[in-house]
N, C-alpha and C. Protein backbone atom coordinates (compact mmCIF):
# COMPACT_ATOMS: atom_id res chain seq x y z
N MET A 1 1.00 -0.96 0.11
CA MET A 1 -0.07 0.01 0.00
C MET A 1 0.72 1.04 0.19
N SER A 2 0.64 1.97 -0.84
CA SER A 2 1.44 3.45 -0.82
C SER A 2 1.17 4.09 0.12
N LYS A 3 2.05 4.89 0.69
CA LYS A 3 1.96 6.00 1.74
C LYS A 3 0.90 7.37 1.45
N GLN A 4 0.20 7.40 2.20
CA GLN A 4 -0.44 8.99 2.44
C GLN A 4 0.58 10.17 1.95
N PRO A 5 0.37 11.08 1.18
CA PRO A 5 0.91 12.44 1.01
C PRO A 5 0.87 12.88 2.30
N MET A 6 2.02 13.79 2.92
CA MET A 6 2.28 14.50 4.00
C MET A 6 1.59 15.77 3.72
N PRO A 7 0.74 16.24 5.07
CA PRO A 7 0.05 17.44 4.67
C PRO A 7 0.76 18.61 4.41
N ALA A 8 0.44 19.64 4.14
CA ALA A 8 0.78 20.95 3.40
C ALA A 8 1.46 21.55 4.41
N THR A 9 2.61 21.92 4.37
CA THR A 9 3.32 22.84 5.12
C THR A 9 2.73 24.16 5.87
N VAL A 10 2.93 24.65 6.77
CA VAL A 10 2.40 26.09 7.35
C VAL A 10 2.92 27.14 6.10
N PRO A 11 2.06 27.96 5.63
CA PRO A 11 2.69 28.95 4.75
C PRO A 11 3.46 29.77 5.41
N ALA A 12 4.33 30.66 4.52
CA ALA A 12 5.33 31.17 5.16
C ALA A 12 5.27 32.36 5.76
N VAL A 13 4.10 33.10 5.39
CA VAL A 13 3.72 34.21 5.97
C VAL A 13 3.34 33.88 7.32
N ALA A 14 2.83 32.74 7.90
CA ALA A 14 2.24 32.49 9.17
C ALA A 14 3.51 32.03 9.91
N GLU A 15 4.72 31.49 9.24
CA GLU A 15 5.72 31.64 9.91
C GLU A 15 6.73 32.89 10.31
N SER A 16 6.30 33.57 9.46
CA SER A 16 7.19 34.97 9.79
C SER A 16 6.56 35.60 10.92
N LEU A 17 5.25 35.43 11.13
CA LEU A 17 4.48 36.04 12.44
C LEU A 17 4.61 35.15 13.65
N SER A 18 5.23 33.98 13.57
CA SER A 18 5.19 32.77 14.81
C SER A 18 6.14 33.48 15.94
N GLY A 19 7.19 34.44 15.48
CA GLY A 19 8.04 34.87 16.59
C GLY A 19 7.18 35.98 17.25
N ASP A 20 6.63 36.82 16.52
CA ASP A 20 5.70 37.87 17.30
C ASP A 20 4.46 37.16 18.35
N MET A 21 3.93 36.24 17.69
CA MET A 21 2.89 35.64 18.43
C MET A 21 3.50 34.76 19.72
N GLN A 22 4.58 34.35 19.65
CA GLN A 22 5.22 33.80 20.93
C GLN A 22 5.45 34.80 21.89
N LEU A 23 6.10 35.60 21.36
CA LEU A 23 6.39 37.15 22.39
C LEU A 23 5.08 37.60 23.01
N VAL A 24 4.11 37.62 22.25
CA VAL A 24 2.82 38.36 22.81
C VAL A 24 2.19 37.41 23.76
N HIS A 25 2.14 35.84 23.49
CA HIS A 25 1.82 34.65 24.39
C HIS A 25 2.48 35.00 25.73
N ARG A 26 3.99 34.91 25.65
CA ARG A 26 4.83 35.10 26.77
C ARG A 26 4.37 36.44 27.41
N ALA A 27 4.32 37.39 27.06
CA ALA A 27 3.90 38.77 27.62
C ALA A 27 2.34 38.54 28.19
N LEU A 28 1.82 37.86 27.54
CA LEU A 28 0.42 37.78 28.19
C LEU A 28 0.32 37.10 29.50
N THR A 29 1.06 36.27 29.72
CA THR A 29 1.31 35.54 30.86
C THR A 29 2.35 36.29 31.91
N ARG A 30 2.73 37.39 31.37
CA ARG A 30 3.37 38.35 32.55
C ARG A 30 4.59 38.08 32.59
N ASP A 31 5.29 37.23 31.70
CA ASP A 31 6.88 37.26 31.60
C ASP A 31 7.64 38.43 31.10
N PRO A 32 8.34 39.02 32.31
CA PRO A 32 8.91 40.01 32.19
C PRO A 32 10.14 40.21 31.13
N ASP A 33 11.02 38.96 30.65
CA ASP A 33 11.72 38.80 29.87
C ASP A 33 11.10 39.21 28.22
N ALA A 34 9.81 38.71 28.20
CA ALA A 34 8.80 38.84 26.86
C ALA A 34 8.96 40.38 26.85
N PHE A 35 8.37 41.47 27.75
CA PHE A 35 8.42 42.80 27.45
C PHE A 35 9.65 43.30 27.31
N ARG A 36 10.69 42.82 28.03
CA ARG A 36 12.07 43.49 27.60
C ARG A 36 12.61 43.21 26.20
N ALA A 37 12.18 41.88 25.88
CA ALA A 37 12.76 41.61 24.59
C ALA A 37 11.82 42.48 23.24
N ILE A 38 10.52 42.74 23.63
CA ILE A 38 9.72 43.47 22.69
C ILE A 38 10.53 45.08 22.63
N MET A 39 10.56 45.27 23.59
CA MET A 39 11.00 46.69 23.73
C MET A 39 12.71 47.06 23.21
N LYS A 40 13.57 45.91 23.48
CA LYS A 40 14.80 45.97 22.92
C LYS A 40 14.84 46.15 21.56
N VAL A 41 14.00 45.42 20.85
CA VAL A 41 13.81 45.31 19.48
C VAL A 41 13.19 46.20 18.93
N TYR A 42 12.40 47.05 19.29
CA TYR A 42 11.57 47.88 18.79
C TYR A 42 11.81 49.30 18.98
N ASN A 43 12.71 49.60 20.15
CA ASN A 43 12.58 50.82 20.80
C ASN A 43 13.33 51.98 19.58
N GLN A 44 14.31 51.65 19.06
CA GLN A 44 14.84 52.62 18.08
C GLN A 44 13.75 53.00 17.05
N ARG A 45 13.35 51.60 16.45
CA ARG A 45 12.19 52.26 15.25
C ARG A 45 11.29 53.08 15.69
N LEU A 46 10.51 52.82 16.98
CA LEU A 46 9.49 53.62 17.62
C LEU A 46 9.95 54.74 18.01
N TYR A 47 10.93 54.94 18.29
CA TYR A 47 11.58 56.26 18.96
C TYR A 47 11.81 57.51 17.66
N ARG A 48 12.25 56.60 16.50
CA ARG A 48 12.49 57.58 15.21
C ARG A 48 11.40 57.89 14.69
N ILE A 49 10.25 57.04 14.78
CA ILE A 49 9.15 57.34 14.10
C ILE A 49 8.30 58.33 14.78
N ALA A 50 8.42 58.47 16.39
CA ALA A 50 7.87 59.40 17.21
C ALA A 50 8.73 61.01 16.92
N ARG A 51 10.12 60.71 16.91
CA ARG A 51 10.66 61.83 16.60
C ARG A 51 10.73 62.51 15.23
N GLY A 52 10.52 61.78 14.16
CA GLY A 52 9.99 62.19 13.12
C GLY A 52 8.68 62.91 12.97
N ILE A 53 7.90 62.72 13.92
CA ILE A 53 6.71 63.44 14.14
C ILE A 53 6.92 64.72 14.84
N LEU A 54 7.11 64.47 15.96
CA LEU A 54 7.52 65.55 16.93
C LEU A 54 8.67 66.50 16.72
N ARG A 55 9.78 65.86 16.33
CA ARG A 55 10.75 66.72 16.15
C ARG A 55 11.41 67.14 17.51
N ASN A 56 11.18 66.46 18.63
CA ASN A 56 11.83 66.91 19.72
C ASN A 56 12.03 65.60 20.49
N ASP A 57 13.43 65.50 20.99
CA ASP A 57 13.79 64.29 21.66
C ASP A 57 13.08 63.77 22.95
N ALA A 58 13.03 64.87 23.91
CA ALA A 58 12.10 64.31 24.94
C ALA A 58 10.62 63.71 24.86
N GLU A 59 10.29 64.55 23.90
CA GLU A 59 8.71 64.37 23.62
C GLU A 59 8.65 62.82 23.02
N ALA A 60 9.35 62.74 21.81
CA ALA A 60 9.32 61.23 21.42
C ALA A 60 9.39 60.09 22.37
N GLU A 61 10.56 60.09 23.40
CA GLU A 61 10.59 59.08 24.05
C GLU A 61 9.51 59.06 25.04
N ASP A 62 8.92 60.42 25.31
CA ASP A 62 7.56 60.15 26.51
C ASP A 62 6.39 59.42 25.65
N VAL A 63 6.26 59.59 24.42
CA VAL A 63 5.36 58.90 23.55
C VAL A 63 5.65 57.65 23.30
N VAL A 64 7.02 57.36 23.20
CA VAL A 64 7.15 55.61 23.01
C VAL A 64 6.80 54.95 24.54
N GLN A 65 7.36 55.74 25.40
CA GLN A 65 6.61 54.78 26.61
C GLN A 65 5.56 55.04 27.04
N GLU A 66 4.61 55.87 26.63
CA GLU A 66 3.22 55.79 26.51
C GLU A 66 2.54 54.53 25.71
N ALA A 67 2.80 54.79 24.54
CA ALA A 67 2.72 53.94 23.43
C ALA A 67 2.83 52.33 23.98
N TYR A 68 3.93 52.01 24.65
CA TYR A 68 4.11 50.87 25.01
C TYR A 68 3.20 50.35 26.23
N VAL A 69 3.12 51.35 27.11
CA VAL A 69 1.94 51.07 28.05
C VAL A 69 0.66 50.69 27.45
N SER A 70 0.24 51.59 26.57
CA SER A 70 -1.00 51.44 25.95
C SER A 70 -1.12 50.19 25.21
N ALA A 71 0.04 50.00 24.46
CA ALA A 71 0.05 48.64 23.57
C ALA A 71 -0.02 47.27 24.66
N PHE A 72 0.69 47.28 25.72
CA PHE A 72 0.80 46.24 26.55
C PHE A 72 -0.38 45.91 27.26
N ALA A 73 -1.26 47.09 27.60
CA ALA A 73 -2.48 47.03 28.08
C ALA A 73 -3.60 46.37 27.33
N SER A 74 -3.38 46.34 25.99
CA SER A 74 -4.27 45.80 25.15
C SER A 74 -3.65 44.72 24.15
N LEU A 75 -2.65 44.04 24.60
CA LEU A 75 -2.01 43.12 24.00
C LEU A 75 -2.78 41.92 23.42
N ALA A 76 -3.94 41.58 24.14
CA ALA A 76 -4.68 40.71 23.75
C ALA A 76 -5.47 40.83 22.79
N ALA A 77 -5.39 42.15 21.83
CA ALA A 77 -6.10 42.37 20.70
C ALA A 77 -5.17 42.04 19.41
N PHE A 78 -3.92 41.90 19.81
CA PHE A 78 -2.95 41.62 18.35
C PHE A 78 -3.30 40.16 18.06
N ARG A 79 -3.75 40.49 17.03
CA ARG A 79 -3.93 38.76 16.23
C ARG A 79 -3.21 38.29 15.27
N GLY A 80 -1.86 38.99 14.95
CA GLY A 80 -0.94 38.71 14.06
C GLY A 80 -1.23 38.61 12.74
N GLN A 81 -2.53 40.00 12.36
CA GLN A 81 -2.75 40.16 10.99
C GLN A 81 -1.60 41.10 10.33
N SER A 82 -0.95 41.84 11.15
CA SER A 82 0.33 42.45 10.77
C SER A 82 1.27 41.99 11.60
N THR A 83 2.38 42.65 11.29
CA THR A 83 3.79 42.22 12.21
C THR A 83 3.61 43.10 13.42
N LEU A 84 4.18 42.65 14.32
CA LEU A 84 4.24 43.45 15.76
C LEU A 84 4.66 44.61 15.46
N ALA A 85 5.93 44.80 14.85
CA ALA A 85 6.46 46.19 14.42
C ALA A 85 5.35 47.03 14.07
N THR A 86 4.69 46.76 12.95
CA THR A 86 3.64 47.43 12.23
C THR A 86 2.48 48.12 13.21
N TRP A 87 2.05 46.79 14.10
CA TRP A 87 1.08 47.17 15.13
C TRP A 87 1.57 48.51 16.41
N LEU A 88 2.65 48.03 16.80
CA LEU A 88 3.27 49.13 17.47
C LEU A 88 3.50 50.60 17.10
N SER A 89 4.09 50.42 15.69
CA SER A 89 4.37 51.55 14.98
C SER A 89 3.06 52.36 15.08
N ARG A 90 1.94 51.68 14.73
CA ARG A 90 0.02 52.81 14.50
C ARG A 90 0.39 52.93 15.95
N ILE A 91 0.71 52.41 16.97
CA ILE A 91 0.06 53.31 18.09
C ILE A 91 1.07 54.27 18.44
N VAL A 92 2.29 54.18 18.32
CA VAL A 92 3.23 55.28 18.39
C VAL A 92 2.87 56.37 17.30
N ILE A 93 2.58 56.10 16.02
CA ILE A 93 2.15 57.13 15.39
C ILE A 93 0.71 58.04 15.93
N ASN A 94 -0.28 57.23 16.48
CA ASN A 94 -1.31 57.66 17.02
C ASN A 94 -1.29 58.66 18.13
N GLU A 95 -0.22 58.19 18.89
CA GLU A 95 -0.01 58.81 20.38
C GLU A 95 0.77 59.96 19.85
N ALA A 96 1.68 60.09 19.04
CA ALA A 96 2.56 61.24 18.82
C ALA A 96 1.79 62.32 17.84
N LEU A 97 0.84 61.77 16.85
CA LEU A 97 0.03 62.78 16.44
C LEU A 97 -1.14 63.49 17.24
N GLY A 98 -1.50 62.61 18.35
CA GLY A 98 -2.44 63.12 19.46
C GLY A 98 -1.57 64.32 20.11
N ARG A 99 -0.31 63.97 20.49
CA ARG A 99 0.31 64.86 21.18
C ARG A 99 0.60 66.28 20.23
N LEU A 100 0.86 66.05 18.99
CA LEU A 100 1.03 67.09 18.31
C LEU A 100 -0.13 68.00 17.97
N ARG A 101 -1.13 67.60 18.01
CA ARG A 101 -2.58 68.05 18.02
C ARG A 101 -2.68 69.12 19.30
N LYS A 102 -2.45 68.38 20.35
CA LYS A 102 -2.69 68.87 21.66
C LYS A 102 -1.29 70.16 21.65
N ARG A 103 -0.25 70.08 21.29
CA ARG A 103 1.02 70.97 21.32
C ARG A 103 0.31 72.51 20.34
N ARG A 104 -0.29 72.02 19.51
CA ARG A 104 -0.85 73.11 18.27
C ARG A 104 -2.18 74.01 18.97
N ARG A 105 -2.93 73.33 19.77
CA ARG A 105 -3.84 73.89 20.50
C ARG A 105 -3.27 74.93 21.41
N THR A 106 -2.10 74.68 22.00
CA THR A 106 -1.70 75.52 23.14
C THR A 106 -1.00 76.70 22.44
N VAL A 107 -0.61 77.75 23.24
CA VAL A 107 0.14 78.82 22.62
C VAL A 107 1.45 78.60 22.44
N GLU A 108 2.22 79.17 21.26
CA GLU A 108 3.36 78.56 20.78
C GLU A 108 4.33 79.24 21.91
N MET A 109 5.24 78.42 22.23
CA MET A 109 6.67 79.02 23.08
C MET A 109 7.74 79.16 22.31
N PRO A 110 8.60 79.85 22.74
CA PRO A 110 10.02 79.69 22.04
C PRO A 110 10.66 78.24 21.95
N ALA A 111 11.34 77.95 20.87
CA ALA A 111 11.70 76.60 20.88
C ALA A 111 12.96 76.48 22.05
N ASP A 112 12.77 74.92 22.36
CA ASP A 112 13.70 74.57 23.43
C ASP A 112 15.20 74.32 23.12
N PRO A 113 15.82 75.11 23.56
CA PRO A 113 17.18 75.05 23.05
C PRO A 113 17.98 73.51 23.34
N GLU A 114 17.30 72.95 24.30
CA GLU A 114 17.72 71.76 24.93
C GLU A 114 17.36 70.75 23.69
N ALA A 115 16.35 70.87 23.22
CA ALA A 115 15.50 69.80 22.38
C ALA A 115 16.46 69.77 21.08
N ARG A 116 17.39 68.95 21.37
CA ARG A 116 18.38 68.39 20.34
C ARG A 116 18.69 66.77 20.36
N ILE A 117 18.95 66.46 19.18
CA ILE A 117 19.48 64.80 19.31
C ILE A 117 20.88 64.61 19.96
N ILE A 118 20.59 63.46 20.96
CA ILE A 118 21.75 63.59 21.91
C ILE A 118 22.79 62.69 21.17
N ARG A 119 23.99 62.97 21.02
CA ARG A 119 24.97 62.32 20.03
C ARG A 119 25.64 61.01 20.74
N PHE A 120 25.78 59.99 19.94
CA PHE A 120 26.52 58.77 20.52
C PHE A 120 27.48 58.76 19.38
N PRO A 121 28.74 58.06 19.83
CA PRO A 121 29.90 57.75 19.03
C PRO A 121 29.55 56.98 17.77
N LEU A 122 30.22 57.58 16.71
CA LEU A 122 30.09 57.01 15.38
C LEU A 122 31.02 55.68 15.45
N LYS A 123 30.79 54.61 14.62
CA LYS A 123 31.82 53.60 14.41
C LYS A 123 33.08 54.12 14.42
N SER A 124 34.01 53.28 15.09
CA SER A 124 35.32 53.61 15.28
C SER A 124 36.13 53.84 14.12
N ASN A 125 36.85 54.89 13.65
CA ASN A 125 37.40 55.35 12.57
C ASN A 125 38.99 55.86 12.73
N ASP A 126 39.90 55.37 12.15
CA ASP A 126 41.03 55.80 12.47
C ASP A 126 41.32 57.24 11.76
N ASP A 127 40.60 57.45 10.79
CA ASP A 127 40.74 58.73 10.24
C ASP A 127 39.86 59.76 10.88
N PRO A 128 40.20 60.79 11.71
CA PRO A 128 39.97 61.78 12.43
C PRO A 128 38.81 62.73 11.57
N GLU A 129 39.36 63.08 10.49
CA GLU A 129 38.77 64.32 9.60
C GLU A 129 37.37 63.52 8.66
N ARG A 130 37.89 62.02 8.52
CA ARG A 130 36.35 61.45 8.13
C ARG A 130 35.33 61.18 9.20
N THR A 131 35.53 60.97 10.43
CA THR A 131 34.88 60.89 11.59
C THR A 131 34.01 62.28 11.45
N MET A 132 34.78 63.31 11.64
CA MET A 132 34.16 64.90 11.78
C MET A 132 33.31 64.98 10.35
N ALA A 133 33.75 64.42 9.41
CA ALA A 133 32.70 64.92 8.38
C ALA A 133 31.50 64.14 8.46
N GLN A 134 31.52 62.93 9.03
CA GLN A 134 30.48 61.89 9.21
C GLN A 134 29.37 62.73 10.14
N ARG A 135 30.04 63.06 11.16
CA ARG A 135 29.29 63.94 12.27
C ARG A 135 28.53 65.17 11.57
N GLN A 136 29.14 65.95 10.72
CA GLN A 136 28.51 67.10 10.08
C GLN A 136 27.41 66.81 9.16
N ILE A 137 27.84 65.73 8.65
CA ILE A 137 26.66 65.27 7.57
C ILE A 137 25.36 64.89 8.24
N LEU A 138 25.50 63.92 9.64
CA LEU A 138 24.41 63.24 10.53
C LEU A 138 23.75 64.72 10.98
N ALA A 139 24.40 65.93 11.31
CA ALA A 139 23.78 66.91 11.78
C ALA A 139 23.18 67.66 10.75
N LEU A 140 23.66 67.81 9.77
CA LEU A 140 22.83 68.44 8.70
C LEU A 140 21.63 67.50 8.37
N VAL A 141 21.78 66.52 8.10
CA VAL A 141 20.53 65.22 7.93
C VAL A 141 19.38 65.73 8.94
N GLU A 142 19.63 65.72 10.15
CA GLU A 142 18.61 66.06 11.11
C GLU A 142 18.14 67.10 11.06
N ARG A 143 19.01 68.18 10.65
CA ARG A 143 17.99 69.80 10.75
C ARG A 143 17.57 69.48 9.34
N ALA A 144 17.96 69.09 8.13
CA ALA A 144 17.13 69.30 7.09
C ALA A 144 15.88 68.32 7.23
N THR A 145 15.94 67.20 7.86
CA THR A 145 14.81 66.14 7.88
C THR A 145 13.74 67.04 8.94
N ASP A 146 14.21 67.73 10.04
CA ASP A 146 13.15 68.33 10.90
C ASP A 146 12.41 69.47 9.97
N SER A 147 13.07 70.06 9.18
CA SER A 147 12.32 71.09 8.30
C SER A 147 11.41 70.65 7.37
N LEU A 148 11.36 69.21 7.13
CA LEU A 148 10.49 68.72 6.07
C LEU A 148 8.97 69.01 6.36
N PRO A 149 7.92 69.20 5.75
CA PRO A 149 6.27 69.28 6.18
C PRO A 149 6.17 67.92 6.80
N ASP A 150 5.00 67.93 7.56
CA ASP A 150 4.76 66.58 8.52
C ASP A 150 4.64 65.33 7.36
N ILE A 151 3.77 65.59 6.28
CA ILE A 151 3.71 64.60 5.77
C ILE A 151 4.61 63.94 4.78
N TYR A 152 5.78 64.71 4.53
CA TYR A 152 6.75 64.31 3.85
C TYR A 152 8.04 63.59 4.79
N ARG A 153 7.82 64.38 5.89
CA ARG A 153 8.94 63.65 6.98
C ARG A 153 8.62 62.50 7.40
N MET A 154 7.20 62.31 7.70
CA MET A 154 7.00 60.83 8.09
C MET A 154 7.49 59.53 7.28
N VAL A 155 7.28 60.06 5.72
CA VAL A 155 7.67 59.08 4.79
C VAL A 155 9.15 58.90 4.49
N PHE A 156 9.61 60.01 4.73
CA PHE A 156 11.31 60.23 4.63
C PHE A 156 11.82 59.17 5.80
N VAL A 157 11.32 59.62 6.96
CA VAL A 157 11.99 59.10 8.10
C VAL A 157 11.49 57.39 8.12
N ALA A 158 10.28 56.89 7.77
CA ALA A 158 9.82 55.47 7.46
C ALA A 158 10.95 55.13 6.69
N ARG A 159 10.80 55.37 5.33
CA ARG A 159 11.53 54.83 4.19
C ARG A 159 13.13 54.85 4.09
N VAL A 160 13.55 56.22 4.54
CA VAL A 160 14.93 56.14 4.18
C VAL A 160 15.87 56.10 5.39
N ILE A 161 15.50 56.68 6.66
CA ILE A 161 16.33 56.52 8.11
C ILE A 161 15.88 55.04 8.69
N GLU A 162 14.74 54.61 8.60
CA GLU A 162 14.27 53.47 9.38
C GLU A 162 14.28 52.54 8.32
N GLY A 163 14.37 52.38 6.82
CA GLY A 163 14.64 51.51 5.92
C GLY A 163 13.30 50.56 5.69
N LEU A 164 11.98 51.00 5.87
CA LEU A 164 10.85 50.02 5.67
C LEU A 164 10.76 49.95 4.16
N SER A 165 10.22 49.06 3.86
CA SER A 165 9.86 48.85 2.27
C SER A 165 8.62 50.01 1.64
N MET A 166 8.43 50.01 0.70
CA MET A 166 7.55 51.11 -0.08
C MET A 166 5.97 50.42 0.61
N GLU A 167 5.71 49.16 0.41
CA GLU A 167 4.62 48.74 1.06
C GLU A 167 4.48 48.34 2.66
N GLU A 168 5.64 48.26 3.41
CA GLU A 168 5.34 48.61 4.65
C GLU A 168 5.30 49.97 5.08
N THR A 169 5.80 51.01 4.39
CA THR A 169 5.46 52.39 4.82
C THR A 169 3.96 52.84 4.55
N ALA A 170 3.44 51.87 3.13
CA ALA A 170 2.06 52.35 2.89
C ALA A 170 1.03 51.93 3.95
N ASP A 171 1.62 50.73 4.53
CA ASP A 171 0.73 50.17 5.39
C ASP A 171 0.61 50.59 6.77
N LEU A 172 1.75 51.24 7.21
CA LEU A 172 1.81 52.02 8.34
C LEU A 172 1.43 53.22 8.32
N LEU A 173 1.37 53.84 7.48
CA LEU A 173 0.96 55.33 7.19
C LEU A 173 -0.76 55.18 6.86
N GLY A 174 -1.22 54.16 6.26
CA GLY A 174 -2.80 53.92 5.94
C GLY A 174 -2.69 54.70 4.49
N VAL A 175 -2.00 54.74 3.69
CA VAL A 175 -1.88 55.17 2.11
C VAL A 175 -1.32 54.59 1.18
N ARG A 176 -1.77 54.69 0.17
CA ARG A 176 -1.22 53.92 -0.92
C ARG A 176 0.35 53.74 -1.04
N PRO A 177 0.94 53.03 -1.94
CA PRO A 177 2.40 52.92 -2.18
C PRO A 177 2.43 53.72 -3.15
N GLU A 178 1.36 54.11 -4.00
CA GLU A 178 1.65 55.36 -4.82
C GLU A 178 1.89 56.70 -4.22
N THR A 179 1.02 56.92 -3.32
CA THR A 179 1.34 58.05 -2.37
C THR A 179 2.46 58.21 -1.81
N VAL A 180 3.37 57.01 -1.10
CA VAL A 180 4.45 57.21 -0.50
C VAL A 180 5.42 57.27 -1.58
N LYS A 181 5.33 56.79 -2.66
CA LYS A 181 6.46 57.16 -3.73
C LYS A 181 6.41 58.87 -4.30
N THR A 182 5.23 59.18 -4.19
CA THR A 182 5.04 60.65 -4.47
C THR A 182 5.42 61.35 -3.35
N ARG A 183 5.27 61.25 -2.38
CA ARG A 183 5.81 61.84 -1.17
C ARG A 183 7.25 61.79 -0.97
N LEU A 184 7.93 60.56 -1.01
CA LEU A 184 9.47 60.37 -1.01
C LEU A 184 9.98 61.27 -1.91
N HIS A 185 9.60 61.14 -3.14
CA HIS A 185 9.93 62.30 -4.34
C HIS A 185 10.44 63.67 -3.96
N ARG A 186 9.00 64.10 -3.17
CA ARG A 186 9.06 65.45 -2.80
C ARG A 186 9.89 65.75 -1.66
N ALA A 187 10.16 64.58 -0.64
CA ALA A 187 11.15 64.81 0.30
C ALA A 187 12.61 64.90 -0.12
N ARG A 188 12.77 63.93 -0.86
CA ARG A 188 13.96 63.97 -1.57
C ARG A 188 14.37 65.52 -2.28
N ALA A 189 13.71 65.91 -3.10
CA ALA A 189 13.72 67.13 -3.79
C ALA A 189 13.68 68.37 -2.81
N LEU A 190 13.09 68.35 -1.72
CA LEU A 190 13.29 69.38 -0.63
C LEU A 190 14.81 69.28 0.13
N LEU A 191 15.31 68.18 0.18
CA LEU A 191 16.32 67.96 0.72
C LEU A 191 17.49 68.37 0.02
N ARG A 192 17.18 68.05 -1.46
CA ARG A 192 18.10 68.44 -2.44
C ARG A 192 18.72 67.18 -2.58
N LYS A 193 19.11 66.67 -3.97
CA LYS A 193 19.77 65.52 -4.48
C LYS A 193 21.23 65.47 -4.08
N ALA A 194 21.79 66.42 -4.00
CA ALA A 194 23.09 66.42 -3.69
C ALA A 194 23.24 65.85 -2.18
N LEU A 195 22.70 66.33 -1.63
CA LEU A 195 22.57 66.05 -0.09
C LEU A 195 22.16 64.58 -0.09
N ASP A 196 21.06 63.97 -0.82
CA ASP A 196 20.54 62.75 -0.76
C ASP A 196 21.81 61.93 -0.98
N ASP A 197 22.40 62.18 -2.32
CA ASP A 197 23.70 61.39 -2.87
C ASP A 197 24.83 61.24 -1.66
N GLU A 198 25.07 62.35 -0.95
CA GLU A 198 26.35 62.24 -0.40
C GLU A 198 26.15 61.51 1.12
N ILE A 199 24.64 61.54 1.89
CA ILE A 199 24.73 61.16 3.24
C ILE A 199 24.14 59.49 3.13
N GLY A 200 23.91 59.11 2.10
CA GLY A 200 23.38 57.72 2.01
C GLY A 200 24.05 56.40 2.88
N PRO A 201 25.38 56.59 2.89
CA PRO A 201 26.08 55.48 3.67
C PRO A 201 25.77 55.47 5.04
N VAL A 202 25.61 56.96 5.69
CA VAL A 202 25.51 57.10 7.06
C VAL A 202 24.32 57.24 7.70
N LEU A 203 23.06 57.17 6.60
CA LEU A 203 21.83 57.60 7.26
C LEU A 203 21.46 56.68 8.43
N LEU A 204 21.79 55.24 8.25
CA LEU A 204 21.07 54.28 9.35
C LEU A 204 21.68 54.84 10.89
N ASP A 205 22.68 55.65 11.13
CA ASP A 205 23.03 56.13 12.09
C ASP A 205 22.52 57.61 12.54
N ALA A 206 21.65 58.23 11.82
CA ALA A 206 20.93 59.27 11.92
C ALA A 206 19.61 58.87 13.29
N PHE A 207 19.51 60.05 14.22
CA PHE A 207 18.67 59.71 15.17
C PHE A 207 18.66 58.65 15.97
N PRO A 208 19.86 58.57 16.55
CA PRO A 208 20.24 57.45 17.28
C PRO A 208 19.41 57.22 18.70
N PHE A 209 19.09 55.79 18.96
CA PHE A 209 18.17 55.59 20.19
C PHE A 209 19.06 54.44 20.57
N ALA A 210 20.15 54.30 21.83
CA ALA A 210 20.49 53.12 22.09
C ALA A 210 21.29 53.37 23.30
N GLY A 211 21.72 52.22 24.03
CA GLY A 211 22.88 52.35 25.04
C GLY A 211 21.77 52.80 26.16
N ARG A 212 22.32 53.84 26.99
CA ARG A 212 21.60 54.28 28.39
C ARG A 212 20.16 54.72 28.07
N ARG A 213 19.99 55.44 27.06
CA ARG A 213 18.51 56.12 26.62
C ARG A 213 17.60 54.91 26.45
N CYS A 214 17.97 53.72 25.94
CA CYS A 214 17.26 52.76 25.41
C CYS A 214 16.98 51.98 26.73
N GLU A 215 17.79 51.65 27.45
CA GLU A 215 17.65 51.09 28.78
C GLU A 215 16.85 51.66 29.65
N ARG A 216 17.07 53.19 29.80
CA ARG A 216 16.17 54.07 30.58
C ARG A 216 14.65 53.90 30.24
N LEU A 217 14.61 53.76 29.06
CA LEU A 217 12.95 53.75 28.74
C LEU A 217 12.41 52.23 28.84
N THR A 218 13.29 51.14 28.70
CA THR A 218 12.76 49.97 28.84
C THR A 218 12.42 49.82 30.37
N GLN A 219 13.29 50.35 31.28
CA GLN A 219 12.99 50.25 32.79
C GLN A 219 12.07 51.01 33.22
N ALA A 220 11.77 52.26 32.78
CA ALA A 220 10.50 52.97 32.87
C ALA A 220 9.31 52.18 32.89
N VAL A 221 9.34 51.68 31.52
CA VAL A 221 7.78 50.63 31.21
C VAL A 221 7.82 49.85 31.71
N MET A 222 9.00 49.04 32.18
CA MET A 222 8.90 47.87 33.00
C MET A 222 8.17 48.41 34.60
N GLY A 223 8.90 49.42 35.21
CA GLY A 223 8.31 49.98 36.37
C GLY A 223 6.73 50.22 36.31
N ARG A 224 5.95 50.56 35.13
CA ARG A 224 4.99 50.97 35.14
C ARG A 224 3.88 49.98 34.82
N LEU A 225 4.77 48.66 34.29
CA LEU A 225 4.14 47.21 34.56
C LEU A 225 3.96 46.72 35.72
N GLY A 226 4.73 47.07 36.74
CA GLY A 226 4.64 46.55 37.88
C GLY A 226 5.87 45.64 38.14
N PHE A 227 6.71 45.77 37.31
CA PHE A 227 7.89 44.81 37.42
C PHE A 227 9.23 45.68 38.07
N GLU A 228 9.76 44.74 39.06
CA GLU A 228 10.97 45.60 39.88
C GLU A 228 11.97 46.09 38.59
């Protein structure tokens, strides 16, 4: 008698989400390591998105913390229909936009001179002149990005600085891929083609969020969740 064929394997899409779902299920059992793992993976992405909207370090960090608390409180609602990164990013966007609307309803105050990107060392380099040039380019990228109108800045941060695909950015912002393409083209034009060509290799180091700041945010959220 011939053997029966083996059942079909699980689709690749389901496999790609299994890691997310495992973390979510562990977090739902109040496993502190699961919460920490989620934050360690997504802190930088969420911070960059929040700062891309708010253009203020302290507010962006506060928004990410609030978004985590909100997300973890409703974690049971995550069904894996999108990636955990996209789900968390949408919560951050909503929180940041809400903060932005509230800010605009208040009387405008002078810009806070302390609201600056906190610098972290670039990758070690034996050429001090090159290192200085990279720092100057990063500072220029940050200032130029901050000057973009909101709709273009959000697309630029997601696509160029964070490295999301066209489809991921469209899904994240709730627009069509064609809209993402158009807005990105406009953003690049505003930043000047020469600047875009020059800074490409170092963009991933812009708007850093790591080390003590990453750990501080993680510990703050863990404290609010009731963990030591």
